[in-house]
Each structure stands twice: as structure tokens, then as C-alpha cells.
Amino acid sequence: MNLSDSWVSLEFSTDEEIPVFVKFRPHLQNFKDTGVFNWRMDVIWAYNSPNESLLPREIDLDLMEQVEEALADMLELDNQTILAFSFTGENERWWAWYTTDIDIAGERLNAALSQFDQLPVTINAESDPDWEEYVGVLEDFA
């Protein structure tokens, strides 16, 4: 399967008028339809914003981009794990990856992150065979 590198990026505001940036791949139906990407691996980076925007400092944002690139290079190598969307705002960045095997994805994630100093990230794995989180992003933003 061909993984499209087409992305939609936009900004919205919460009810409290806090800016949040969302980025998602709008064309992942072919991966969803395979029925084998049953796990979602959430990588969440907590940060402390320097102001009321609750957005990261530029230096943190640059490092987040480097980490995302390293993760994509390792995880998407053979489309075993794919990045579906990310949110940045309210003092966290959340990357949502769909995978066929959570153990392999975890090993690859650890290998990718090993090139960085310790990062303020937490990793959660959720069974999401219907891609409910991704579908919700499409419903809300596509």
C-alpha cells in the first residue's frame, strides 16, 4: 500500500479561546480498511508554555519536529506503523500512530528515541480497530 504524505494542518480555538493546532492525513481509508491496524499508540509530550497561549516555545517546537521526523523514519519504514494525526496545544503535543503490532512499534519507537536525551513523553497503547479517534478527527476537521 502507498502511504500518502498529504496532510491537512489547521488551527482552532478551545471554548476557553486557547489555540490548538491539528495536523492529520485525510487519506488513510485504505489502511483502515485492511483490518490489521488495530492498535493506536499515543505519544504525548508534556511541556510548559511560557505564556497564556499554552503553545510550546520555539526551541521545544523545533525539537518536537526533529522527534516526529525520527519517529516517522523508523515507524513508517515499511508501513507497519503510520502517523494519522497530531495535536499541539494546551501544554502537550499528541501524536497518534496506528500499528499492526504494538510490540514491534514500541521497539521501533524506543530505537528512534534513543538518539535524543530523555524527553518528557508518555506512551499509551489503545485497542482502536475501528479507528474511532481518527474518524473523530475527520468528522471534526475534514
N, C-alpha and C. Protein backbone atom coordinates (compact mmCIF):
# COMPACT_ATOMS: atom_id res chain seq x y z
N MET A 1 0.84 -1.18 0.00
CA MET A 1 0.00 0.00 0.00
C MET A 1 0.88 1.24 0.00
N ASN A 2 0.39 2.23 -0.67
CA ASN A 2 1.10 3.50 -0.74
C ASN A 2 0.60 4.43 0.37
N LEU A 3 1.52 4.94 1.18
CA LEU A 3 1.18 5.88 2.25
C LEU A 3 1.29 7.29 1.71
N SER A 4 0.17 7.96 1.62
CA SER A 4 0.15 9.33 1.13
C SER A 4 0.80 10.26 2.14
N ASP A 5 1.60 11.18 1.64
CA ASP A 5 2.20 12.17 2.52
C ASP A 5 1.43 13.49 2.44
N SER A 6 0.16 13.39 2.11
CA SER A 6 -0.72 14.55 2.06
C SER A 6 -1.25 14.82 3.47
N TRP A 7 -1.14 16.07 3.90
CA TRP A 7 -1.56 16.46 5.25
C TRP A 7 -2.49 17.66 5.19
N VAL A 8 -3.35 17.75 6.17
CA VAL A 8 -4.16 18.94 6.40
C VAL A 8 -3.71 19.49 7.75
N SER A 9 -3.39 20.78 7.78
CA SER A 9 -2.99 21.45 9.02
C SER A 9 -3.88 22.65 9.24
N LEU A 10 -4.36 22.80 10.46
CA LEU A 10 -5.21 23.95 10.76
C LEU A 10 -5.14 24.28 12.23
N GLU A 11 -5.66 25.46 12.54
CA GLU A 11 -5.71 25.94 13.92
C GLU A 11 -7.16 26.11 14.32
N PHE A 12 -7.46 25.76 15.56
CA PHE A 12 -8.78 26.05 16.12
C PHE A 12 -8.60 26.57 17.53
N SER A 13 -9.64 27.06 18.12
CA SER A 13 -9.60 27.55 19.49
C SER A 13 -10.55 26.74 20.35
N THR A 14 -10.11 26.46 21.57
CA THR A 14 -10.96 25.77 22.52
C THR A 14 -12.06 26.72 23.00
N ASP A 15 -12.97 26.22 23.80
CA ASP A 15 -14.02 27.08 24.37
C ASP A 15 -13.43 28.19 25.22
N GLU A 16 -12.22 27.96 25.74
CA GLU A 16 -11.53 28.96 26.56
C GLU A 16 -10.66 29.88 25.70
N GLU A 17 -10.81 29.81 24.38
CA GLU A 17 -10.06 30.63 23.42
C GLU A 17 -8.55 30.34 23.43
N ILE A 18 -8.20 29.09 23.73
CA ILE A 18 -6.82 28.64 23.70
C ILE A 18 -6.56 28.06 22.30
N PRO A 19 -5.49 28.50 21.62
CA PRO A 19 -5.21 27.97 20.28
C PRO A 19 -4.66 26.54 20.34
N VAL A 20 -5.11 25.73 19.39
CA VAL A 20 -4.63 24.35 19.25
C VAL A 20 -4.41 24.11 17.76
N PHE A 21 -3.31 23.46 17.44
CA PHE A 21 -3.00 23.12 16.06
C PHE A 21 -3.23 21.63 15.86
N VAL A 22 -3.90 21.29 14.78
CA VAL A 22 -4.13 19.89 14.43
C VAL A 22 -3.55 19.65 13.05
N LYS A 23 -2.97 18.49 12.89
CA LYS A 23 -2.42 18.06 11.61
C LYS A 23 -2.88 16.62 11.42
N PHE A 24 -3.43 16.30 10.24
CA PHE A 24 -3.89 14.93 10.01
C PHE A 24 -3.76 14.55 8.55
N ARG A 25 -3.67 13.25 8.33
CA ARG A 25 -3.66 12.69 6.98
C ARG A 25 -5.10 12.37 6.61
N PRO A 26 -5.62 13.00 5.57
CA PRO A 26 -7.03 12.78 5.23
C PRO A 26 -7.30 11.50 4.43
N HIS A 27 -6.25 10.85 3.94
CA HIS A 27 -6.45 9.72 3.01
C HIS A 27 -5.84 8.43 3.55
N LEU A 28 -6.37 7.94 4.66
CA LEU A 28 -5.87 6.70 5.24
C LEU A 28 -6.91 5.58 5.20
N GLN A 29 -7.98 5.76 4.45
CA GLN A 29 -9.05 4.77 4.41
C GLN A 29 -8.53 3.39 3.99
N ASN A 30 -7.58 3.36 3.04
CA ASN A 30 -7.06 2.07 2.59
C ASN A 30 -6.37 1.31 3.73
N PHE A 31 -5.68 2.02 4.62
CA PHE A 31 -5.05 1.38 5.76
C PHE A 31 -6.11 0.95 6.78
N LYS A 32 -7.06 1.79 7.02
CA LYS A 32 -8.15 1.46 7.96
C LYS A 32 -8.89 0.22 7.48
N ASP A 33 -9.16 0.14 6.18
CA ASP A 33 -9.95 -0.96 5.62
C ASP A 33 -9.24 -2.31 5.65
N THR A 34 -7.92 -2.34 5.83
CA THR A 34 -7.22 -3.62 5.87
C THR A 34 -7.64 -4.46 7.07
N GLY A 35 -8.06 -3.79 8.15
CA GLY A 35 -8.44 -4.51 9.36
C GLY A 35 -7.26 -5.02 10.18
N VAL A 36 -6.03 -4.61 9.84
CA VAL A 36 -4.87 -5.09 10.58
C VAL A 36 -4.21 -4.01 11.44
N PHE A 37 -4.58 -2.77 11.25
CA PHE A 37 -4.04 -1.68 12.07
C PHE A 37 -4.99 -1.47 13.25
N ASN A 38 -4.95 -2.40 14.19
CA ASN A 38 -5.94 -2.43 15.27
C ASN A 38 -5.52 -1.70 16.53
N TRP A 39 -4.27 -1.23 16.58
CA TRP A 39 -3.77 -0.57 17.77
C TRP A 39 -3.42 0.88 17.47
N ARG A 40 -3.69 1.74 18.42
CA ARG A 40 -3.27 3.13 18.34
C ARG A 40 -2.25 3.36 19.45
N MET A 41 -1.11 3.86 19.06
CA MET A 41 -0.05 4.19 20.01
C MET A 41 0.00 5.71 20.12
N ASP A 42 -0.32 6.21 21.29
CA ASP A 42 -0.30 7.65 21.54
C ASP A 42 1.00 8.03 22.20
N VAL A 43 1.70 8.97 21.60
CA VAL A 43 2.91 9.53 22.18
C VAL A 43 2.57 10.97 22.56
N ILE A 44 2.67 11.25 23.85
CA ILE A 44 2.24 12.55 24.36
C ILE A 44 3.43 13.24 25.03
N TRP A 45 3.73 14.43 24.52
CA TRP A 45 4.84 15.24 25.01
C TRP A 45 4.24 16.37 25.84
N ALA A 46 4.50 16.36 27.13
CA ALA A 46 4.04 17.44 28.01
C ALA A 46 5.12 18.52 28.06
N TYR A 47 4.69 19.77 27.95
CA TYR A 47 5.63 20.89 28.03
C TYR A 47 4.98 21.99 28.85
N ASN A 48 5.78 22.97 29.25
CA ASN A 48 5.27 24.12 29.98
C ASN A 48 5.39 25.35 29.09
N SER A 49 4.28 25.87 28.68
CA SER A 49 4.27 27.05 27.83
C SER A 49 4.76 28.27 28.61
N PRO A 50 5.48 29.16 27.94
CA PRO A 50 5.95 30.36 28.63
C PRO A 50 4.89 31.45 28.76
N ASN A 51 3.70 31.22 28.18
CA ASN A 51 2.67 32.26 28.23
C ASN A 51 1.27 31.64 28.22
N GLU A 52 0.27 32.51 28.17
CA GLU A 52 -1.12 32.06 28.26
C GLU A 52 -1.63 31.36 27.01
N SER A 53 -0.84 31.37 25.93
CA SER A 53 -1.26 30.66 24.71
C SER A 53 -1.24 29.15 24.90
N LEU A 54 -0.45 28.69 25.85
CA LEU A 54 -0.25 27.27 26.14
C LEU A 54 0.35 26.51 24.95
N LEU A 55 1.06 27.26 24.09
CA LEU A 55 1.79 26.67 22.97
C LEU A 55 3.26 26.53 23.37
N PRO A 56 3.99 25.63 22.71
CA PRO A 56 5.38 25.43 23.10
C PRO A 56 6.29 26.57 22.67
N ARG A 57 7.41 26.69 23.37
CA ARG A 57 8.45 27.63 22.97
C ARG A 57 9.03 27.16 21.64
N GLU A 58 9.62 28.07 20.89
CA GLU A 58 10.17 27.74 19.57
C GLU A 58 11.21 26.63 19.67
N ILE A 59 12.05 26.68 20.69
CA ILE A 59 13.09 25.65 20.84
C ILE A 59 12.46 24.28 21.07
N ASP A 60 11.38 24.23 21.85
CA ASP A 60 10.68 22.96 22.08
C ASP A 60 10.00 22.49 20.80
N LEU A 61 9.40 23.42 20.08
CA LEU A 61 8.74 23.08 18.83
C LEU A 61 9.73 22.50 17.82
N ASP A 62 10.92 23.09 17.75
CA ASP A 62 11.95 22.56 16.85
C ASP A 62 12.33 21.13 17.22
N LEU A 63 12.51 20.89 18.51
CA LEU A 63 12.86 19.54 18.96
C LEU A 63 11.71 18.56 18.69
N MET A 64 10.49 19.00 18.89
CA MET A 64 9.33 18.14 18.59
C MET A 64 9.32 17.72 17.12
N GLU A 65 9.66 18.66 16.25
CA GLU A 65 9.70 18.35 14.81
C GLU A 65 10.79 17.34 14.51
N GLN A 66 11.94 17.48 15.16
CA GLN A 66 13.03 16.52 14.98
C GLN A 66 12.61 15.13 15.46
N VAL A 67 11.93 15.08 16.59
CA VAL A 67 11.48 13.80 17.14
C VAL A 67 10.44 13.18 16.21
N GLU A 68 9.50 13.99 15.72
CA GLU A 68 8.48 13.46 14.81
C GLU A 68 9.13 12.87 13.55
N GLU A 69 10.11 13.57 13.02
CA GLU A 69 10.80 13.08 11.82
C GLU A 69 11.52 11.76 12.11
N ALA A 70 12.20 11.67 13.24
CA ALA A 70 12.90 10.44 13.61
C ALA A 70 11.91 9.29 13.80
N LEU A 71 10.79 9.58 14.44
CA LEU A 71 9.77 8.54 14.64
C LEU A 71 9.19 8.09 13.30
N ALA A 72 8.87 9.03 12.44
CA ALA A 72 8.30 8.67 11.14
C ALA A 72 9.29 7.84 10.32
N ASP A 73 10.57 8.23 10.34
CA ASP A 73 11.58 7.48 9.60
C ASP A 73 11.65 6.03 10.06
N MET A 74 11.55 5.81 11.36
CA MET A 74 11.68 4.46 11.91
C MET A 74 10.35 3.69 11.85
N LEU A 75 9.26 4.33 12.25
CA LEU A 75 7.98 3.63 12.36
C LEU A 75 7.31 3.38 11.01
N GLU A 76 7.47 4.32 10.08
CA GLU A 76 6.78 4.20 8.79
C GLU A 76 7.65 3.54 7.72
N LEU A 77 8.77 3.02 8.13
CA LEU A 77 9.73 2.43 7.20
C LEU A 77 9.06 1.45 6.23
N ASP A 78 8.25 0.56 6.74
CA ASP A 78 7.56 -0.44 5.91
C ASP A 78 6.04 -0.39 6.11
N ASN A 79 5.56 0.76 6.56
CA ASN A 79 4.12 0.98 6.81
C ASN A 79 3.56 0.05 7.89
N GLN A 80 4.40 -0.41 8.78
CA GLN A 80 3.93 -1.23 9.89
C GLN A 80 3.19 -0.37 10.91
N THR A 81 3.63 0.87 11.02
CA THR A 81 3.01 1.85 11.91
C THR A 81 2.97 3.17 11.14
N ILE A 82 1.82 3.87 11.23
CA ILE A 82 1.67 5.12 10.48
C ILE A 82 1.12 6.22 11.38
N LEU A 83 1.63 7.42 11.15
CA LEU A 83 1.14 8.58 11.88
C LEU A 83 -0.15 9.06 11.22
N ALA A 84 -1.22 9.12 12.00
CA ALA A 84 -2.52 9.53 11.47
C ALA A 84 -2.80 11.01 11.75
N PHE A 85 -2.47 11.47 12.96
CA PHE A 85 -2.75 12.87 13.31
C PHE A 85 -1.92 13.29 14.50
N SER A 86 -1.87 14.62 14.70
CA SER A 86 -1.25 15.17 15.90
C SER A 86 -2.00 16.44 16.30
N PHE A 87 -1.95 16.71 17.58
CA PHE A 87 -2.49 17.95 18.15
C PHE A 87 -1.38 18.62 18.94
N THR A 88 -1.30 19.94 18.85
CA THR A 88 -0.35 20.71 19.65
C THR A 88 -1.10 21.86 20.29
N GLY A 89 -1.09 21.90 21.60
CA GLY A 89 -1.73 22.97 22.34
C GLY A 89 -2.06 22.52 23.75
N GLU A 90 -2.42 23.47 24.58
CA GLU A 90 -2.79 23.19 25.97
C GLU A 90 -1.69 22.41 26.70
N ASN A 91 -0.43 22.81 26.42
CA ASN A 91 0.74 22.25 27.08
C ASN A 91 1.04 20.79 26.74
N GLU A 92 0.61 20.33 25.57
CA GLU A 92 1.01 19.00 25.13
C GLU A 92 0.94 18.86 23.62
N ARG A 93 1.78 17.97 23.11
CA ARG A 93 1.67 17.53 21.73
C ARG A 93 1.31 16.05 21.80
N TRP A 94 0.30 15.68 21.02
CA TRP A 94 -0.18 14.30 20.98
C TRP A 94 -0.04 13.79 19.56
N TRP A 95 0.79 12.76 19.39
CA TRP A 95 0.90 12.06 18.12
C TRP A 95 0.11 10.77 18.22
N ALA A 96 -0.73 10.48 17.24
CA ALA A 96 -1.50 9.23 17.21
C ALA A 96 -1.02 8.37 16.04
N TRP A 97 -0.48 7.23 16.38
CA TRP A 97 0.08 6.29 15.40
C TRP A 97 -0.79 5.04 15.40
N TYR A 98 -1.15 4.55 14.23
CA TYR A 98 -1.87 3.28 14.11
C TYR A 98 -0.88 2.21 13.67
N THR A 99 -0.98 1.03 14.29
CA THR A 99 0.01 -0.01 14.07
C THR A 99 -0.62 -1.39 13.96
N THR A 100 0.11 -2.26 13.28
CA THR A 100 -0.33 -3.65 13.15
C THR A 100 0.16 -4.49 14.32
N ASP A 101 1.21 -4.04 14.99
CA ASP A 101 1.81 -4.81 16.09
C ASP A 101 2.39 -3.83 17.11
N ILE A 102 1.77 -3.76 18.26
CA ILE A 102 2.17 -2.77 19.26
C ILE A 102 3.57 -3.06 19.82
N ASP A 103 3.96 -4.33 19.89
CA ASP A 103 5.28 -4.66 20.41
C ASP A 103 6.39 -4.20 19.46
N ILE A 104 6.21 -4.46 18.16
CA ILE A 104 7.19 -4.00 17.17
C ILE A 104 7.23 -2.47 17.15
N ALA A 105 6.06 -1.85 17.20
CA ALA A 105 6.02 -0.38 17.21
C ALA A 105 6.76 0.17 18.42
N GLY A 106 6.58 -0.45 19.57
CA GLY A 106 7.28 0.00 20.78
C GLY A 106 8.79 -0.14 20.66
N GLU A 107 9.25 -1.25 20.09
CA GLU A 107 10.68 -1.44 19.90
C GLU A 107 11.24 -0.38 18.95
N ARG A 108 10.53 -0.12 17.87
CA ARG A 108 10.99 0.88 16.90
C ARG A 108 10.95 2.28 17.50
N LEU A 109 9.93 2.56 18.29
CA LEU A 109 9.83 3.86 18.94
C LEU A 109 11.02 4.07 19.87
N ASN A 110 11.35 3.06 20.67
CA ASN A 110 12.50 3.16 21.57
C ASN A 110 13.79 3.37 20.80
N ALA A 111 13.95 2.67 19.68
CA ALA A 111 15.15 2.84 18.86
C ALA A 111 15.24 4.27 18.31
N ALA A 112 14.12 4.80 17.84
CA ALA A 112 14.11 6.17 17.30
C ALA A 112 14.41 7.19 18.37
N LEU A 113 13.84 7.01 19.56
CA LEU A 113 14.03 7.98 20.63
C LEU A 113 15.41 7.88 21.29
N SER A 114 16.12 6.78 21.07
CA SER A 114 17.41 6.60 21.73
C SER A 114 18.45 7.62 21.30
N GLN A 115 18.22 8.28 20.17
CA GLN A 115 19.18 9.29 19.71
C GLN A 115 19.01 10.64 20.40
N PHE A 116 18.00 10.76 21.23
CA PHE A 116 17.72 12.01 21.93
C PHE A 116 17.98 11.84 23.42
N ASP A 117 18.25 12.96 24.09
CA ASP A 117 18.28 12.94 25.55
C ASP A 117 16.87 12.61 26.03
N GLN A 118 16.75 12.29 27.30
CA GLN A 118 15.44 11.93 27.83
C GLN A 118 14.42 13.02 27.53
N LEU A 119 13.26 12.59 27.02
CA LEU A 119 12.20 13.52 26.63
C LEU A 119 11.00 13.38 27.56
N PRO A 120 10.22 14.45 27.71
CA PRO A 120 9.05 14.41 28.59
C PRO A 120 7.84 13.79 27.89
N VAL A 121 7.97 12.52 27.48
CA VAL A 121 6.89 11.87 26.75
C VAL A 121 6.33 10.69 27.53
N THR A 122 5.06 10.45 27.32
CA THR A 122 4.42 9.23 27.81
C THR A 122 3.86 8.52 26.59
N ILE A 123 3.81 7.21 26.69
CA ILE A 123 3.33 6.39 25.58
C ILE A 123 2.20 5.52 26.10
N ASN A 124 1.09 5.55 25.38
CA ASN A 124 -0.06 4.72 25.71
C ASN A 124 -0.46 3.91 24.49
N ALA A 125 -0.92 2.70 24.72
CA ALA A 125 -1.42 1.85 23.64
C ALA A 125 -2.89 1.57 23.90
N GLU A 126 -3.69 1.75 22.87
CA GLU A 126 -5.13 1.53 22.96
C GLU A 126 -5.58 0.66 21.80
N SER A 127 -6.44 -0.29 22.08
CA SER A 127 -7.09 -1.02 21.00
C SER A 127 -8.08 -0.07 20.33
N ASP A 128 -7.94 0.11 19.03
CA ASP A 128 -8.81 1.02 18.29
C ASP A 128 -9.01 0.47 16.87
N PRO A 129 -9.58 -0.75 16.77
CA PRO A 129 -9.70 -1.40 15.47
C PRO A 129 -10.59 -0.66 14.49
N ASP A 130 -11.48 0.17 14.97
CA ASP A 130 -12.37 0.94 14.09
C ASP A 130 -11.85 2.35 13.85
N TRP A 131 -10.67 2.63 14.35
CA TRP A 131 -10.02 3.93 14.17
C TRP A 131 -10.94 5.07 14.65
N GLU A 132 -11.57 4.87 15.79
CA GLU A 132 -12.53 5.85 16.30
C GLU A 132 -11.92 7.23 16.49
N GLU A 133 -10.70 7.31 17.02
CA GLU A 133 -10.07 8.62 17.22
C GLU A 133 -9.83 9.30 15.88
N TYR A 134 -9.32 8.57 14.92
CA TYR A 134 -9.05 9.13 13.59
C TYR A 134 -10.35 9.57 12.92
N VAL A 135 -11.36 8.74 12.98
CA VAL A 135 -12.66 9.09 12.39
C VAL A 135 -13.20 10.36 13.05
N GLY A 136 -13.02 10.47 14.36
CA GLY A 136 -13.45 11.68 15.07
C GLY A 136 -12.72 12.92 14.58
N VAL A 137 -11.43 12.78 14.32
CA VAL A 137 -10.66 13.92 13.78
C VAL A 137 -11.21 14.31 12.42
N LEU A 138 -11.46 13.32 11.56
CA LEU A 138 -12.02 13.62 10.24
C LEU A 138 -13.39 14.30 10.35
N GLU A 139 -14.23 13.78 11.23
CA GLU A 139 -15.56 14.38 11.41
C GLU A 139 -15.48 15.81 11.90
N ASP A 140 -14.54 16.08 12.78
CA ASP A 140 -14.42 17.41 13.37
C ASP A 140 -13.72 18.41 12.46
N PHE A 141 -12.77 17.93 11.63
CA PHE A 141 -11.90 18.89 10.93
C PHE A 141 -11.83 18.75 9.42
N ALA A 142 -12.25 17.63 8.86
CA ALA A 142 -12.12 17.45 7.40
C ALA A 142 -13.22 18.17 6.65
